[in-house]
Structures are given as C-alpha cells and as structure tokens.
Amino acid sequence: MTQKKIVAGLLTGLAAGVVLTLVLSSKKGRETSKNLLKGSRDLKEDLKGKFNDFVDQIQDKVQGILK
C-alpha cells in the first residue's frame, strides 16, 4: 500500500467520522465542537509524525543511492 493511499484512507475515515459524530451526537453543540477540535488536533499530530517518518525514509534512500 502506498503512502498516498494511506493518507487518502485516513482522510476519508476522518470525514466519515466527523459526519457520524455530528449526526449521532447527543451532546450539545459546544461540547461536540470541542471534541471534534481535540480529535482533529490529535489526527494532525499523528499525520505530521507519519509524514516526517516518510520524508526521513525517502532521504535515507536518496542518500543511499548517491553514495
């Protein structure tokens, strides 16, 4: 599975989760918004880490080829 497919799958899952959360949520709007913001921050940090790992892998491969 390519990194592109993984990111697309994560974003699709995120969108589906947001829609389901909004539709099925029994909490007040303000509480729901806080939960969504926290979840999006967590996802952002996770994606940053995965992207940085991906960049590191590419840099290692490029340096290996250049040596």
N, C-alpha and C. Protein backbone atom coordinates (compact mmCIF):
# COMPACT_ATOMS: atom_id res chain seq x y z
N MET A 1 0.85 -1.18 0.00
CA MET A 1 0.00 0.00 0.00
C MET A 1 0.89 1.24 0.00
N THR A 2 0.58 2.16 -0.88
CA THR A 2 1.42 3.36 -0.97
C THR A 2 1.03 4.38 0.09
N GLN A 3 1.94 5.29 0.33
CA GLN A 3 1.69 6.35 1.31
C GLN A 3 0.49 7.19 0.89
N LYS A 4 0.34 7.39 -0.42
CA LYS A 4 -0.77 8.19 -0.94
C LYS A 4 -2.11 7.55 -0.59
N LYS A 5 -2.18 6.23 -0.73
CA LYS A 5 -3.42 5.52 -0.41
C LYS A 5 -3.70 5.55 1.08
N ILE A 6 -2.66 5.47 1.89
CA ILE A 6 -2.83 5.52 3.34
C ILE A 6 -3.38 6.88 3.76
N VAL A 7 -2.82 7.95 3.23
CA VAL A 7 -3.28 9.29 3.56
C VAL A 7 -4.73 9.49 3.08
N ALA A 8 -5.03 9.03 1.87
CA ALA A 8 -6.40 9.14 1.35
C ALA A 8 -7.38 8.37 2.23
N GLY A 9 -6.98 7.20 2.68
CA GLY A 9 -7.84 6.40 3.55
C GLY A 9 -8.06 7.07 4.89
N LEU A 10 -7.01 7.66 5.44
CA LEU A 10 -7.13 8.37 6.71
C LEU A 10 -8.06 9.57 6.59
N LEU A 11 -7.91 10.32 5.51
CA LEU A 11 -8.76 11.49 5.32
C LEU A 11 -10.22 11.10 5.09
N THR A 12 -10.44 10.02 4.36
CA THR A 12 -11.80 9.53 4.14
C THR A 12 -12.41 9.07 5.45
N GLY A 13 -11.64 8.36 6.24
CA GLY A 13 -12.12 7.91 7.55
C GLY A 13 -12.42 9.08 8.47
N LEU A 14 -11.58 10.09 8.42
CA LEU A 14 -11.80 11.29 9.23
C LEU A 14 -13.11 11.97 8.84
N ALA A 15 -13.32 12.13 7.55
CA ALA A 15 -14.55 12.78 7.08
C ALA A 15 -15.78 11.98 7.49
N ALA A 16 -15.72 10.67 7.34
CA ALA A 16 -16.85 9.83 7.74
C ALA A 16 -17.08 9.92 9.24
N GLY A 17 -16.02 9.94 10.02
CA GLY A 17 -16.14 10.05 11.46
C GLY A 17 -16.76 11.36 11.89
N VAL A 18 -16.38 12.43 11.24
CA VAL A 18 -16.94 13.75 11.56
C VAL A 18 -18.44 13.77 11.29
N VAL A 19 -18.82 13.25 10.12
CA VAL A 19 -20.24 13.24 9.76
C VAL A 19 -21.03 12.39 10.75
N LEU A 20 -20.54 11.20 11.06
CA LEU A 20 -21.24 10.34 12.01
C LEU A 20 -21.32 10.96 13.39
N THR A 21 -20.25 11.60 13.81
CA THR A 21 -20.25 12.24 15.11
C THR A 21 -21.30 13.34 15.18
N LEU A 22 -21.38 14.13 14.15
CA LEU A 22 -22.35 15.22 14.14
C LEU A 22 -23.79 14.70 14.09
N VAL A 23 -24.00 13.64 13.33
CA VAL A 23 -25.35 13.09 13.18
C VAL A 23 -25.80 12.36 14.44
N LEU A 24 -24.92 11.59 15.03
CA LEU A 24 -25.30 10.74 16.14
C LEU A 24 -25.04 11.34 17.51
N SER A 25 -24.44 12.49 17.55
CA SER A 25 -24.07 13.09 18.83
C SER A 25 -25.29 13.54 19.63
N SER A 26 -25.31 13.18 20.89
CA SER A 26 -26.39 13.62 21.76
C SER A 26 -25.94 14.76 22.67
N LYS A 27 -24.67 15.14 22.54
CA LYS A 27 -24.13 16.24 23.35
C LYS A 27 -24.53 17.58 22.73
N LYS A 28 -24.40 18.60 23.51
CA LYS A 28 -24.66 19.94 23.00
C LYS A 28 -23.61 20.30 21.96
N GLY A 29 -23.97 21.23 21.10
CA GLY A 29 -23.08 21.64 20.01
C GLY A 29 -21.71 22.10 20.46
N ARG A 30 -21.66 22.84 21.55
CA ARG A 30 -20.38 23.36 22.04
C ARG A 30 -19.46 22.22 22.48
N GLU A 31 -20.01 21.25 23.17
CA GLU A 31 -19.21 20.10 23.61
C GLU A 31 -18.74 19.29 22.41
N THR A 32 -19.63 19.11 21.45
CA THR A 32 -19.27 18.37 20.25
C THR A 32 -18.14 19.07 19.51
N SER A 33 -18.23 20.38 19.39
CA SER A 33 -17.18 21.15 18.72
C SER A 33 -15.84 20.97 19.41
N LYS A 34 -15.84 21.01 20.75
CA LYS A 34 -14.59 20.82 21.50
C LYS A 34 -14.00 19.44 21.22
N ASN A 35 -14.86 18.43 21.22
CA ASN A 35 -14.37 17.06 20.96
C ASN A 35 -13.81 16.92 19.55
N LEU A 36 -14.49 17.56 18.58
CA LEU A 36 -14.01 17.49 17.19
C LEU A 36 -12.67 18.19 17.04
N LEU A 37 -12.52 19.33 17.69
CA LEU A 37 -11.25 20.05 17.61
C LEU A 37 -10.11 19.24 18.23
N LYS A 38 -10.38 18.60 19.37
CA LYS A 38 -9.35 17.79 20.00
C LYS A 38 -8.97 16.61 19.10
N GLY A 39 -9.97 15.97 18.51
CA GLY A 39 -9.71 14.85 17.62
C GLY A 39 -8.93 15.28 16.39
N SER A 40 -9.26 16.44 15.86
CA SER A 40 -8.55 16.91 14.67
C SER A 40 -7.11 17.29 15.01
N ARG A 41 -6.89 17.83 16.20
CA ARG A 41 -5.51 18.14 16.61
C ARG A 41 -4.69 16.85 16.76
N ASP A 42 -5.31 15.84 17.37
CA ASP A 42 -4.63 14.56 17.54
C ASP A 42 -4.29 13.95 16.19
N LEU A 43 -5.24 14.02 15.27
CA LEU A 43 -5.02 13.47 13.92
C LEU A 43 -3.91 14.24 13.21
N LYS A 44 -3.92 15.56 13.35
CA LYS A 44 -2.90 16.38 12.72
C LYS A 44 -1.51 15.99 13.22
N GLU A 45 -1.38 15.82 14.51
CA GLU A 45 -0.08 15.44 15.08
C GLU A 45 0.34 14.06 14.59
N ASP A 46 -0.60 13.14 14.51
CA ASP A 46 -0.31 11.79 14.02
C ASP A 46 0.14 11.83 12.56
N LEU A 47 -0.56 12.60 11.74
CA LEU A 47 -0.19 12.72 10.33
C LEU A 47 1.16 13.40 10.16
N LYS A 48 1.44 14.42 10.99
CA LYS A 48 2.75 15.06 10.94
C LYS A 48 3.86 14.05 11.20
N GLY A 49 3.66 13.23 12.23
CA GLY A 49 4.67 12.23 12.57
C GLY A 49 4.87 11.23 11.44
N LYS A 50 3.78 10.76 10.86
CA LYS A 50 3.89 9.80 9.76
C LYS A 50 4.55 10.44 8.54
N PHE A 51 4.20 11.69 8.25
CA PHE A 51 4.80 12.37 7.12
C PHE A 51 6.29 12.56 7.33
N ASN A 52 6.68 12.96 8.54
CA ASN A 52 8.10 13.14 8.84
C ASN A 52 8.85 11.83 8.73
N ASP A 53 8.25 10.73 9.17
CA ASP A 53 8.87 9.41 9.01
C ASP A 53 9.05 9.08 7.54
N PHE A 54 8.02 9.38 6.75
CA PHE A 54 8.07 9.12 5.31
C PHE A 54 9.21 9.93 4.66
N VAL A 55 9.31 11.21 5.01
CA VAL A 55 10.36 12.07 4.46
C VAL A 55 11.74 11.53 4.86
N ASP A 56 11.88 11.10 6.11
CA ASP A 56 13.15 10.53 6.56
C ASP A 56 13.53 9.29 5.76
N GLN A 57 12.54 8.44 5.48
CA GLN A 57 12.80 7.23 4.69
C GLN A 57 13.26 7.59 3.29
N ILE A 58 12.61 8.57 2.68
CA ILE A 58 12.98 9.00 1.33
C ILE A 58 14.39 9.58 1.33
N GLN A 59 14.68 10.40 2.33
CA GLN A 59 16.02 10.99 2.41
C GLN A 59 17.08 9.90 2.57
N ASP A 60 16.82 8.90 3.38
CA ASP A 60 17.77 7.81 3.57
C ASP A 60 17.99 7.06 2.25
N LYS A 61 16.91 6.82 1.51
CA LYS A 61 17.04 6.11 0.24
C LYS A 61 17.82 6.93 -0.78
N VAL A 62 17.55 8.23 -0.83
CA VAL A 62 18.27 9.10 -1.76
C VAL A 62 19.75 9.15 -1.42
N GLN A 63 20.05 9.27 -0.12
CA GLN A 63 21.46 9.31 0.29
C GLN A 63 22.14 7.97 -0.02
N GLY A 64 21.41 6.87 0.13
CA GLY A 64 21.96 5.57 -0.20
C GLY A 64 22.27 5.43 -1.68
N ILE A 65 21.44 6.03 -2.52
CA ILE A 65 21.65 5.97 -3.96
C ILE A 65 22.83 6.84 -4.35
N LEU A 66 22.97 8.00 -3.71
CA LEU A 66 24.03 8.93 -4.06
C LEU A 66 25.41 8.48 -3.61
N LYS A 67 25.48 7.56 -2.65
CA LYS A 67 26.79 7.12 -2.14
C LYS A 67 27.44 6.14 -3.05
